[in-house]
Amino acid sequence: MRVVTWNVNSVKQRLPRLLPWLDERSPDVVCLQELKVGTEAFADLLGDQLAERGYEFAANGEPQWNGVAILSKVGLTDVVTGLPGAPGFPHVEARAVSATCGGVRVHSLYVPNGRVPDSEHYQYKLEWLAKLRANVAAGPPEVLVCGDMNIAPTDADVFDPDAYVGQTHVTPAERAALAELQDIGLHDVVRDRWPNERVFSYWDYRAGMFHKNLGMRIDLVLAGAPVAERVRAAWIDRQARKGTGPSDHAPVMVDLDEAPDGDIGPMVPPPSAKPAPRGRTKLPQSR
């Protein structure tokens, strides 16, 4: 079973790339984030074309912002739209959907950004993550928690820790919240597979960050132990970030039981840019 998570950064804009990508990679379960369309609009836009490809789907959308979905060829039951008990900002946002697919409980998540450390939105992010932990802990061990977590787990998951000083996504409180989620028995399957490699899933559109390989790893697949034991490949489909009109995120690919493309990775194709010297590069928003 091939499971993928991908922040598409507007499903409308990514439609010319998403459908051919589904045909090429043939994933069985796809977790999408940042749809930026309402639930009914998602069905109108994609419903027929997904059905033609054998996918059922569950979506939780809202116009312009947020939005998540699960596409599945291996069943889609016990759908829960939203994160029960989650806080809002101020209303409850479309940031979570879960379902059972092929015997695995799958969560597609778009964790709040946090914006500025110690802001109200930052506190909202931490509260949201605490509720996520409680919900996943109450579920089965056969689980995949997938999505844009908006947290780089360690300094190894950003191109240069010095560039992120004072920014969200790397603060101790955010990383502690993510670690507490993993402590319920979840394995970071990409990092487990590639413990000593530079692996990124997101590159800012600005300043040539992708071509220089100045990225972050914030899109994660976290697996309960029974699922983690089935992993045969885990990698970033960097090809999907290339070309015209890409998302600023690349799909994270996880193959269970068998690996159709072999145990490839960690980023495919690998970047040609060499690591930038530490302390030399500023984030685009800091310039």
C-alpha atoms as a PDB file:
ATOM      1  CA  MET A   1       0.000   0.000   0.000  1.00  0.00           C
ATOM      2  CA  ARG A   2       1.422   3.353  -1.034  1.00  0.00           C
ATOM      3  CA  VAL A   3       0.482   6.248   1.256  1.00  0.00           C
ATOM      4  CA  VAL A   4       1.291   9.857   0.427  1.00  0.00           C
ATOM      5  CA  THR A   5       0.896  13.216   2.116  1.00  0.00           C
ATOM      6  CA  TRP A   6       1.057  16.425   0.082  1.00  0.00           C
ATOM      7  CA  ASN A   7       0.309  20.053   0.848  1.00  0.00           C
ATOM      8  CA  VAL A   8      -0.874  21.156  -2.595  1.00  0.00           C
ATOM      9  CA  ASN A   9      -1.240  24.863  -1.704  1.00  0.00           C
ATOM     10  CA  SER A  10      -4.557  25.295  -3.590  1.00  0.00           C
ATOM     11  CA  VAL A  11      -6.075  22.261  -5.240  1.00  0.00           C
ATOM     12  CA  LYS A  12      -7.532  24.456  -7.999  1.00  0.00           C
ATOM     13  CA  GLN A  13      -4.121  25.751  -8.998  1.00  0.00           C
ATOM     14  CA  ARG A  14      -2.511  22.335  -8.678  1.00  0.00           C
ATOM     15  CA  LEU A  15      -5.159  20.400 -10.622  1.00  0.00           C
ATOM     16  CA  PRO A  16      -3.131  20.257 -13.873  1.00  0.00           C
ATOM     17  CA  ARG A  17      -0.312  18.640 -11.906  1.00  0.00           C
ATOM     18  CA  LEU A  18      -2.245  16.601  -9.348  1.00  0.00           C
ATOM     19  CA  LEU A  19      -4.183  14.360 -11.728  1.00  0.00           C
ATOM     20  CA  PRO A  20      -1.192  13.354 -13.904  1.00  0.00           C
ATOM     21  CA  TRP A  21       0.801  12.792 -10.729  1.00  0.00           C
ATOM     22  CA  LEU A  22      -1.864  10.407  -9.415  1.00  0.00           C
ATOM     23  CA  ASP A  23      -1.683   8.502 -12.697  1.00  0.00           C
ATOM     24  CA  GLU A  24       2.109   8.344 -12.567  1.00  0.00           C
ATOM     25  CA  ARG A  25       2.681   7.418  -8.924  1.00  0.00           C
ATOM     26  CA  SER A  26      -0.502   5.344  -8.359  1.00  0.00           C
ATOM     27  CA  PRO A  27      -0.812   5.960  -4.612  1.00  0.00           C
ATOM     28  CA  ASP A  28      -3.427   3.955  -2.728  1.00  0.00           C
ATOM     29  CA  VAL A  29      -4.052   6.583  -0.036  1.00  0.00           C
ATOM     30  CA  VAL A  30      -3.417  10.306  -0.477  1.00  0.00           C
ATOM     31  CA  CYS A  31      -3.611  12.895   2.293  1.00  0.00           C
ATOM     32  CA  LEU A  32      -3.945  16.410   0.883  1.00  0.00           C
ATOM     33  CA  GLN A  33      -3.610  19.705   2.733  1.00  0.00           C
ATOM     34  CA  GLU A  34      -4.269  23.380   2.048  1.00  0.00           C
ATOM     35  CA  LEU A  35      -7.077  22.723  -0.422  1.00  0.00           C
ATOM     36  CA  LYS A  36      -8.272  26.334  -0.219  1.00  0.00           C
ATOM     37  CA  VAL A  37     -11.763  25.327  -1.400  1.00  0.00           C
ATOM     38  CA  GLY A  38     -14.947  24.379   0.415  1.00  0.00           C
ATOM     39  CA  THR A  39     -15.996  20.759   0.829  1.00  0.00           C
ATOM     40  CA  GLU A  40     -18.700  20.898  -1.847  1.00  0.00           C
ATOM     41  CA  ALA A  41     -16.417  22.787  -4.228  1.00  0.00           C
ATOM     42  CA  PHE A  42     -13.779  20.073  -3.800  1.00  0.00           C
ATOM     43  CA  ALA A  43     -16.330  17.408  -4.736  1.00  0.00           C
ATOM     44  CA  ASP A  44     -17.484  19.412  -7.751  1.00  0.00           C
ATOM     45  CA  LEU A  45     -13.926  20.032  -8.885  1.00  0.00           C
ATOM     46  CA  LEU A  46     -12.489  16.547  -8.439  1.00  0.00           C
ATOM     47  CA  GLY A  47     -15.239  14.051  -7.650  1.00  0.00           C
ATOM     48  CA  ASP A  48     -15.753  12.583 -11.117  1.00  0.00           C
ATOM     49  CA  GLN A  49     -12.076  12.506 -11.989  1.00  0.00           C
ATOM     50  CA  LEU A  50     -11.192  10.791  -8.735  1.00  0.00           C
ATOM     51  CA  ALA A  51     -13.957   8.226  -9.221  1.00  0.00           C
ATOM     52  CA  GLU A  52     -12.600   7.431 -12.678  1.00  0.00           C
ATOM     53  CA  ARG A  53      -9.277   6.609 -11.010  1.00  0.00           C
ATOM     54  CA  GLY A  54     -10.864   4.408  -8.359  1.00  0.00           C
ATOM     55  CA  TYR A  55     -10.686   6.805  -5.430  1.00  0.00           C
ATOM     56  CA  GLU A  56     -13.213   7.400  -2.722  1.00  0.00           C
ATOM     57  CA  PHE A  57     -12.618  10.622  -0.833  1.00  0.00           C
ATOM     58  CA  ALA A  58     -13.427  12.518   2.329  1.00  0.00           C
ATOM     59  CA  ALA A  59     -12.828  16.255   2.429  1.00  0.00           C
ATOM     60  CA  ASN A  60     -13.019  18.978   5.042  1.00  0.00           C
ATOM     61  CA  GLY A  61     -12.723  22.312   3.301  1.00  0.00           C
ATOM     62  CA  GLU A  62     -13.360  26.007   3.632  1.00  0.00           C
ATOM     63  CA  PRO A  63     -13.123  28.721   0.973  1.00  0.00           C
ATOM     64  CA  GLN A  64      -9.735  30.398   0.466  1.00  0.00           C
ATOM     65  CA  TRP A  65      -7.934  28.880   3.426  1.00  0.00           C
ATOM     66  CA  ASN A  66      -6.929  25.573   4.992  1.00  0.00           C
ATOM     67  CA  GLY A  67      -8.744  22.403   3.940  1.00  0.00           C
ATOM     68  CA  VAL A  68      -7.749  18.733   4.022  1.00  0.00           C
ATOM     69  CA  ALA A  69      -8.776  15.536   2.272  1.00  0.00           C
ATOM     70  CA  ILE A  70      -8.138  11.804   2.121  1.00  0.00           C
ATOM     71  CA  LEU A  71      -8.316   9.924  -1.175  1.00  0.00           C
ATOM     72  CA  SER A  72      -8.389   6.126  -0.985  1.00  0.00           C
ATOM     73  CA  LYS A  73      -8.473   3.129  -3.297  1.00  0.00           C
ATOM     74  CA  VAL A  74      -8.452   0.681  -0.357  1.00  0.00           C
ATOM     75  CA  GLY A  75     -11.616   1.654   1.476  1.00  0.00           C
ATOM     76  CA  LEU A  76     -12.773   4.720   3.364  1.00  0.00           C
ATOM     77  CA  THR A  77     -14.815   4.084   6.491  1.00  0.00           C
ATOM     78  CA  ASP A  78     -15.525   5.695   9.861  1.00  0.00           C
ATOM     79  CA  VAL A  79     -14.839   9.173   8.533  1.00  0.00           C
ATOM     80  CA  VAL A  80     -14.399  11.907  11.140  1.00  0.00           C
ATOM     81  CA  THR A  81     -14.434  15.454   9.799  1.00  0.00           C
ATOM     82  CA  GLY A  82     -12.418  17.808  11.960  1.00  0.00           C
ATOM     83  CA  LEU A  83     -10.514  17.225  15.179  1.00  0.00           C
ATOM     84  CA  PRO A  84     -12.967  16.549  18.027  1.00  0.00           C
ATOM     85  CA  GLY A  85     -12.606  19.114  20.778  1.00  0.00           C
ATOM     86  CA  ALA A  86     -10.088  21.225  18.861  1.00  0.00           C
ATOM     87  CA  PRO A  87      -9.885  24.968  19.582  1.00  0.00           C
ATOM     88  CA  GLY A  88     -10.717  27.558  16.937  1.00  0.00           C
ATOM     89  CA  PHE A  89      -9.186  30.863  15.933  1.00  0.00           C
ATOM     90  CA  PRO A  90     -11.818  32.029  16.618  1.00  0.00           C
ATOM     91  CA  HIS A  91     -13.930  29.541  14.652  1.00  0.00           C
ATOM     92  CA  VAL A  92     -13.010  25.905  14.199  1.00  0.00           C
ATOM     93  CA  GLU A  93     -10.935  25.641  11.023  1.00  0.00           C
ATOM     94  CA  ALA A  94     -10.821  22.895   8.386  1.00  0.00           C
ATOM     95  CA  ARG A  95      -7.536  21.346   9.470  1.00  0.00           C
ATOM     96  CA  ALA A  96      -8.262  17.655  10.029  1.00  0.00           C
ATOM     97  CA  VAL A  97     -10.026  14.654   8.570  1.00  0.00           C
ATOM     98  CA  SER A  98      -9.555  10.992   9.444  1.00  0.00           C
ATOM     99  CA  ALA A  99     -10.774   7.643   8.151  1.00  0.00           C
ATOM    100  CA  THR A 100      -9.919   3.967   8.131  1.00  0.00           C
ATOM    101  CA  CYS A 101      -8.243   2.925   4.883  1.00  0.00           C
ATOM    102  CA  GLY A 102      -7.010  -0.606   4.279  1.00  0.00           C
ATOM    103  CA  GLY A 103      -7.200  -1.413   7.996  1.00  0.00           C
ATOM    104  CA  VAL A 104      -5.176   1.643   9.032  1.00  0.00           C
ATOM    105  CA  ARG A 105      -6.536   4.723  10.760  1.00  0.00           C
ATOM    106  CA  VAL A 106      -5.322   7.637   8.617  1.00  0.00           C
ATOM    107  CA  HIS A 107      -5.259  11.287   9.700  1.00  0.00           C
ATOM    108  CA  SER A 108      -4.741  14.092   7.175  1.00  0.00           C
ATOM    109  CA  LEU A 109      -3.691  17.232   9.043  1.00  0.00           C
ATOM    110  CA  TYR A 110      -2.818  20.844   8.412  1.00  0.00           C
ATOM    111  CA  VAL A 111      -1.415  22.061  11.717  1.00  0.00           C
ATOM    112  CA  PRO A 112      -1.750  25.805  12.446  1.00  0.00           C
ATOM    113  CA  ASN A 113       1.273  27.831  11.382  1.00  0.00           C
ATOM    114  CA  GLY A 114       1.840  29.683  14.645  1.00  0.00           C
ATOM    115  CA  ARG A 115       2.802  32.912  12.815  1.00  0.00           C
ATOM    116  CA  VAL A 116       4.949  34.574  15.498  1.00  0.00           C
ATOM    117  CA  PRO A 117       6.356  32.921  18.632  1.00  0.00           C
ATOM    118  CA  ASP A 118       4.309  33.648  21.756  1.00  0.00           C
ATOM    119  CA  SER A 119       1.466  35.209  19.741  1.00  0.00           C
ATOM    120  CA  GLU A 120      -2.186  34.194  20.168  1.00  0.00           C
ATOM    121  CA  HIS A 121      -1.923  32.088  17.031  1.00  0.00           C
ATOM    122  CA  TYR A 122       1.173  30.377  18.425  1.00  0.00           C
ATOM    123  CA  GLN A 123      -0.721  29.445  21.597  1.00  0.00           C
ATOM    124  CA  TYR A 124      -3.584  28.212  19.434  1.00  0.00           C
ATOM    125  CA  LYS A 125      -1.120  25.969  17.594  1.00  0.00           C
ATOM    126  CA  LEU A 126       0.121  24.414  20.848  1.00  0.00           C
ATOM    127  CA  GLU A 127      -3.434  23.863  22.110  1.00  0.00           C
ATOM    128  CA  TRP A 128      -4.409  22.309  18.780  1.00  0.00           C
ATOM    129  CA  LEU A 129      -1.442  19.917  18.935  1.00  0.00           C
ATOM    130  CA  ALA A 130      -2.350  18.887  22.476  1.00  0.00           C
ATOM    131  CA  LYS A 131      -5.856  17.997  21.324  1.00  0.00           C
ATOM    132  CA  LEU A 132      -4.424  16.098  18.369  1.00  0.00           C
ATOM    133  CA  ARG A 133      -2.270  14.039  20.720  1.00  0.00           C
ATOM    134  CA  ALA A 134      -5.290  13.158  22.871  1.00  0.00           C
ATOM    135  CA  ASN A 135      -7.327  12.103  19.847  1.00  0.00           C
ATOM    136  CA  VAL A 136      -4.616   9.933  18.303  1.00  0.00           C
ATOM    137  CA  ALA A 137      -3.772   8.360  21.676  1.00  0.00           C
ATOM    138  CA  ALA A 138      -7.403   7.283  22.048  1.00  0.00           C
ATOM    139  CA  GLY A 139      -7.346   5.496  18.696  1.00  0.00           C
ATOM    140  CA  PRO A 140      -5.876   2.227  17.434  1.00  0.00           C
ATOM    141  CA  PRO A 141      -2.133   1.550  17.190  1.00  0.00           C
ATOM    142  CA  GLU A 142      -2.587   0.831  13.476  1.00  0.00           C
ATOM    143  CA  VAL A 143      -2.392   4.522  12.634  1.00  0.00           C
ATOM    144  CA  LEU A 144      -0.785   6.976  10.228  1.00  0.00           C
ATOM    145  CA  VAL A 145      -0.655  10.646  11.171  1.00  0.00           C
ATOM    146  CA  CYS A 146       0.109  12.501   7.949  1.00  0.00           C
ATOM    147  CA  GLY A 147       0.363  16.093   6.933  1.00  0.00           C
ATOM    148  CA  ASP A 148       1.910  19.505   7.083  1.00  0.00           C
ATOM    149  CA  MET A 149       2.879  19.703  10.732  1.00  0.00           C
ATOM    150  CA  ASN A 150       4.422  23.174  10.392  1.00  0.00           C
ATOM    151  CA  ILE A 151       7.223  21.996  12.696  1.00  0.00           C
ATOM    152  CA  ALA A 152      10.749  20.913  11.789  1.00  0.00           C
ATOM    153  CA  PRO A 153      11.434  18.175  14.354  1.00  0.00           C
ATOM    154  CA  THR A 154      15.138  18.987  14.860  1.00  0.00           C
ATOM    155  CA  ASP A 155      17.839  21.321  13.582  1.00  0.00           C
ATOM    156  CA  ALA A 156      18.756  18.597  11.073  1.00  0.00           C
ATOM    157  CA  ASP A 157      15.400  19.257   9.385  1.00  0.00           C
ATOM    158  CA  VAL A 158      16.196  22.830   8.298  1.00  0.00           C
ATOM    159  CA  PHE A 159      18.884  23.970   5.882  1.00  0.00           C
ATOM    160  CA  ASP A 160      20.522  26.233   8.477  1.00  0.00           C
ATOM    161  CA  PRO A 161      19.374  26.560  12.102  1.00  0.00           C
ATOM    162  CA  ASP A 162      20.913  30.050  12.279  1.00  0.00           C
ATOM    163  CA  ALA A 163      18.487  31.299   9.632  1.00  0.00           C
ATOM    164  CA  TYR A 164      15.471  30.326  11.747  1.00  0.00           C
ATOM    165  CA  VAL A 165      16.389  32.008  15.020  1.00  0.00           C
ATOM    166  CA  GLY A 166      13.307  33.848  16.271  1.00  0.00           C
ATOM    167  CA  GLN A 167      10.980  32.071  13.810  1.00  0.00           C
ATOM    168  CA  THR A 168       8.145  29.637  14.366  1.00  0.00           C
ATOM    169  CA  HIS A 169       8.419  25.969  13.308  1.00  0.00           C
ATOM    170  CA  VAL A 170      11.640  25.449  15.273  1.00  0.00           C
ATOM    171  CA  THR A 171      10.925  26.725  18.786  1.00  0.00           C
ATOM    172  CA  PRO A 172      11.381  24.451  21.808  1.00  0.00           C
ATOM    173  CA  ALA A 173       7.663  24.497  22.689  1.00  0.00           C
ATOM    174  CA  GLU A 174       6.594  23.448  19.190  1.00  0.00           C
ATOM    175  CA  ARG A 175       9.177  20.703  19.031  1.00  0.00           C
ATOM    176  CA  ALA A 176       8.194  19.516  22.497  1.00  0.00           C
ATOM    177  CA  ALA A 177       4.543  19.306  21.412  1.00  0.00           C
ATOM    178  CA  LEU A 178       5.535  17.233  18.387  1.00  0.00           C
ATOM    179  CA  ALA A 179       7.763  15.012  20.525  1.00  0.00           C
ATOM    180  CA  GLU A 180       4.877  14.442  22.945  1.00  0.00           C
ATOM    181  CA  LEU A 181       2.721  13.353  20.013  1.00  0.00           C
ATOM    182  CA  GLN A 182       5.391  10.896  18.904  1.00  0.00           C
ATOM    183  CA  ASP A 183       5.805   9.641  22.467  1.00  0.00           C
ATOM    184  CA  ILE A 184       2.440   7.887  22.279  1.00  0.00           C
ATOM    185  CA  GLY A 185       4.155   5.385  19.984  1.00  0.00           C
ATOM    186  CA  LEU A 186       4.536   7.076  16.617  1.00  0.00           C
ATOM    187  CA  HIS A 187       7.582   6.670  14.363  1.00  0.00           C
ATOM    188  CA  ASP A 188       8.845   9.359  11.978  1.00  0.00           C
ATOM    189  CA  VAL A 189       9.248   6.937   9.094  1.00  0.00           C
ATOM    190  CA  VAL A 190      11.265   9.167   6.758  1.00  0.00           C
ATOM    191  CA  ARG A 191      13.805  10.082   9.427  1.00  0.00           C
ATOM    192  CA  ASP A 192      13.940   6.487  10.644  1.00  0.00           C
ATOM    193  CA  ARG A 193      14.733   5.399   7.096  1.00  0.00           C
ATOM    194  CA  TRP A 194      17.290   8.171   6.468  1.00  0.00           C
ATOM    195  CA  PRO A 195      18.784   9.100   9.863  1.00  0.00           C
ATOM    196  CA  ASN A 196      21.828  10.979   8.586  1.00  0.00           C
ATOM    197  CA  GLU A 197      20.552  12.606   5.379  1.00  0.00           C
ATOM    198  CA  ARG A 198      19.467  16.147   4.507  1.00  0.00           C
ATOM    199  CA  VAL A 199      15.777  15.689   3.739  1.00  0.00           C
ATOM    200  CA  PHE A 200      13.404  18.554   2.977  1.00  0.00           C
ATOM    201  CA  SER A 201       9.757  18.687   1.916  1.00  0.00           C
ATOM    202  CA  TYR A 202       9.153  22.455   1.682  1.00  0.00           C
ATOM    203  CA  TRP A 203      11.028  25.240  -0.097  1.00  0.00           C
ATOM    204  CA  ASP A 204       9.910  28.874  -0.181  1.00  0.00           C
ATOM    205  CA  TYR A 205       8.941  30.090  -3.660  1.00  0.00           C
ATOM    206  CA  ARG A 206      11.135  33.162  -3.252  1.00  0.00           C
ATOM    207  CA  ALA A 207      14.852  33.768  -3.760  1.00  0.00           C
ATOM    208  CA  GLY A 208      15.516  30.499  -5.598  1.00  0.00           C
ATOM    209  CA  MET A 209      15.248  28.513  -2.380  1.00  0.00           C
ATOM    210  CA  PHE A 210      14.274  25.297  -4.152  1.00  0.00           C
ATOM    211  CA  HIS A 211      17.104  25.374  -6.674  1.00  0.00           C
ATOM    212  CA  LYS A 212      19.579  26.092  -3.875  1.00  0.00           C
ATOM    213  CA  ASN A 213      18.003  23.312  -1.773  1.00  0.00           C
ATOM    214  CA  LEU A 214      17.347  25.694   1.116  1.00  0.00           C
ATOM    215  CA  GLY A 215      14.374  23.939   2.614  1.00  0.00           C
ATOM    216  CA  MET A 216      12.673  22.469   5.655  1.00  0.00           C
ATOM    217  CA  ARG A 217      11.188  19.102   6.518  1.00  0.00           C
ATOM    218  CA  ILE A 218       7.789  19.949   7.954  1.00  0.00           C
ATOM    219  CA  ASP A 219       5.583  17.426   6.096  1.00  0.00           C
ATOM    220  CA  LEU A 220       5.629  14.216   8.097  1.00  0.00           C
ATOM    221  CA  VAL A 221       4.275  10.696   8.137  1.00  0.00           C
ATOM    222  CA  LEU A 222       4.122   9.358  11.675  1.00  0.00           C
ATOM    223  CA  ALA A 223       3.244   5.682  12.005  1.00  0.00           C
ATOM    224  CA  GLY A 224       2.148   3.520  14.892  1.00  0.00           C
ATOM    225  CA  ALA A 225       4.461   0.567  15.519  1.00  0.00           C
ATOM    226  CA  PRO A 226       2.377  -2.052  13.637  1.00  0.00           C
ATOM    227  CA  VAL A 227       2.403   0.175  10.544  1.00  0.00           C
ATOM    228  CA  ALA A 228       6.010   1.345  10.893  1.00  0.00           C
ATOM    229  CA  GLU A 229       7.123  -2.291  10.784  1.00  0.00           C
ATOM    230  CA  ARG A 230       5.555  -2.582   7.325  1.00  0.00           C
ATOM    231  CA  VAL A 231       7.496   0.334   5.786  1.00  0.00           C
ATOM    232  CA  ARG A 232       9.622  -0.720   2.817  1.00  0.00           C
ATOM    233  CA  ALA A 233      10.402   2.741   1.392  1.00  0.00           C
ATOM    234  CA  ALA A 234       9.989   6.338   2.536  1.00  0.00           C
ATOM    235  CA  TRP A 235      11.067   9.282   0.400  1.00  0.00           C
ATOM    236  CA  ILE A 236      10.303  12.764  -0.880  1.00  0.00           C
ATOM    237  CA  ASP A 237       9.033  13.043  -4.455  1.00  0.00           C
ATOM    238  CA  ARG A 238      11.148  16.077  -5.254  1.00  0.00           C
ATOM    239  CA  GLN A 239      10.251  15.786  -8.945  1.00  0.00           C
ATOM    240  CA  ALA A 240       6.760  17.053  -8.090  1.00  0.00           C
ATOM    241  CA  ARG A 241       8.280  20.324  -6.833  1.00  0.00           C
ATOM    242  CA  LYS A 242       9.933  20.998 -10.210  1.00  0.00           C
ATOM    243  CA  GLY A 243       8.574  22.577 -13.368  1.00  0.00           C
ATOM    244  CA  THR A 244       5.735  25.013 -13.970  1.00  0.00           C
ATOM    245  CA  GLY A 245       3.184  25.837 -11.293  1.00  0.00           C
ATOM    246  CA  PRO A 246       4.296  23.520  -8.459  1.00  0.00           C
ATOM    247  CA  SER A 247       3.230  23.618  -4.863  1.00  0.00           C
ATOM    248  CA  ASP A 248       5.919  24.867  -2.503  1.00  0.00           C
ATOM    249  CA  HIS A 249       5.720  21.441  -0.826  1.00  0.00           C
ATOM    250  CA  ALA A 250       6.677  18.055  -2.271  1.00  0.00           C
ATOM    251  CA  PRO A 251       4.810  14.786  -1.643  1.00  0.00           C
ATOM    252  CA  VAL A 252       6.085  12.478   1.079  1.00  0.00           C
ATOM    253  CA  MET A 253       5.880   8.881  -0.163  1.00  0.00           C
ATOM    254  CA  VAL A 254       5.625   5.808   2.087  1.00  0.00           C
ATOM    255  CA  ASP A 255       5.378   2.261   0.742  1.00  0.00           C
ATOM    256  CA  LEU A 256       4.021  -0.455   3.023  1.00  0.00           C
ATOM    257  CA  ASP A 257       4.719  -4.177   2.494  1.00  0.00           C
ATOM    258  CA  GLU A 258       6.322  -3.677  -0.918  1.00  0.00           C
ATOM    259  CA  ALA A 259       8.119  -0.834  -2.705  1.00  0.00           C
ATOM    260  CA  PRO A 260       7.159  -0.559  -6.398  1.00  0.00           C
ATOM    261  CA  ASP A 261      10.081   1.781  -7.129  1.00  0.00           C
ATOM    262  CA  GLY A 262      12.535   0.088  -4.803  1.00  0.00           C
ATOM    263  CA  ASP A 263      13.938   1.486  -1.576  1.00  0.00           C
ATOM    264  CA  ILE A 264      14.864   4.809  -3.134  1.00  0.00           C
ATOM    265  CA  GLY A 265      15.381   8.185  -1.545  1.00  0.00           C
ATOM    266  CA  PRO A 266      15.647  10.208   0.540  1.00  0.00           C
ATOM    267  CA  MET A 267      14.792  12.867  -2.099  1.00  0.00           C
ATOM    268  CA  VAL A 268      14.085  11.798  -5.658  1.00  0.00           C
ATOM    269  CA  PRO A 269      15.745  13.063  -7.744  1.00  0.00           C
ATOM    270  CA  PRO A 270      18.490  14.223  -5.380  1.00  0.00           C
ATOM    271  CA  PRO A 271      19.338  17.929  -5.387  1.00  0.00           C
ATOM    272  CA  SER A 272      22.495  19.057  -7.123  1.00  0.00           C
ATOM    273  CA  ALA A 273      23.067  22.082  -4.873  1.00  0.00           C
ATOM    274  CA  LYS A 274      25.675  21.667  -2.172  1.00  0.00           C
ATOM    275  CA  PRO A 275      24.822  22.674   1.414  1.00  0.00           C
ATOM    276  CA  ALA A 276      25.176  26.421   1.958  1.00  0.00           C
ATOM    277  CA  PRO A 277      27.724  27.473   4.592  1.00  0.00           C
ATOM    278  CA  ARG A 278      26.053  27.957   7.943  1.00  0.00           C
ATOM    279  CA  GLY A 279      25.134  31.525   8.788  1.00  0.00           C
ATOM    280  CA  ARG A 280      25.402  32.810   5.216  1.00  0.00           C
ATOM    281  CA  THR A 281      21.736  32.685   4.130  1.00  0.00           C
ATOM    282  CA  LYS A 282      18.773  34.651   5.438  1.00  0.00           C
ATOM    283  CA  LEU A 283      15.160  33.632   5.002  1.00  0.00           C
ATOM    284  CA  PRO A 284      13.349  35.642   2.272  1.00  0.00           C
ATOM    285  CA  GLN A 285      11.013  37.225   4.828  1.00  0.00           C
ATOM    286  CA  SER A 286      14.023  38.422   6.829  1.00  0.00           C
ATOM    287  CA  ARG A 287      15.625  40.352   3.967  1.00  0.00           C
END
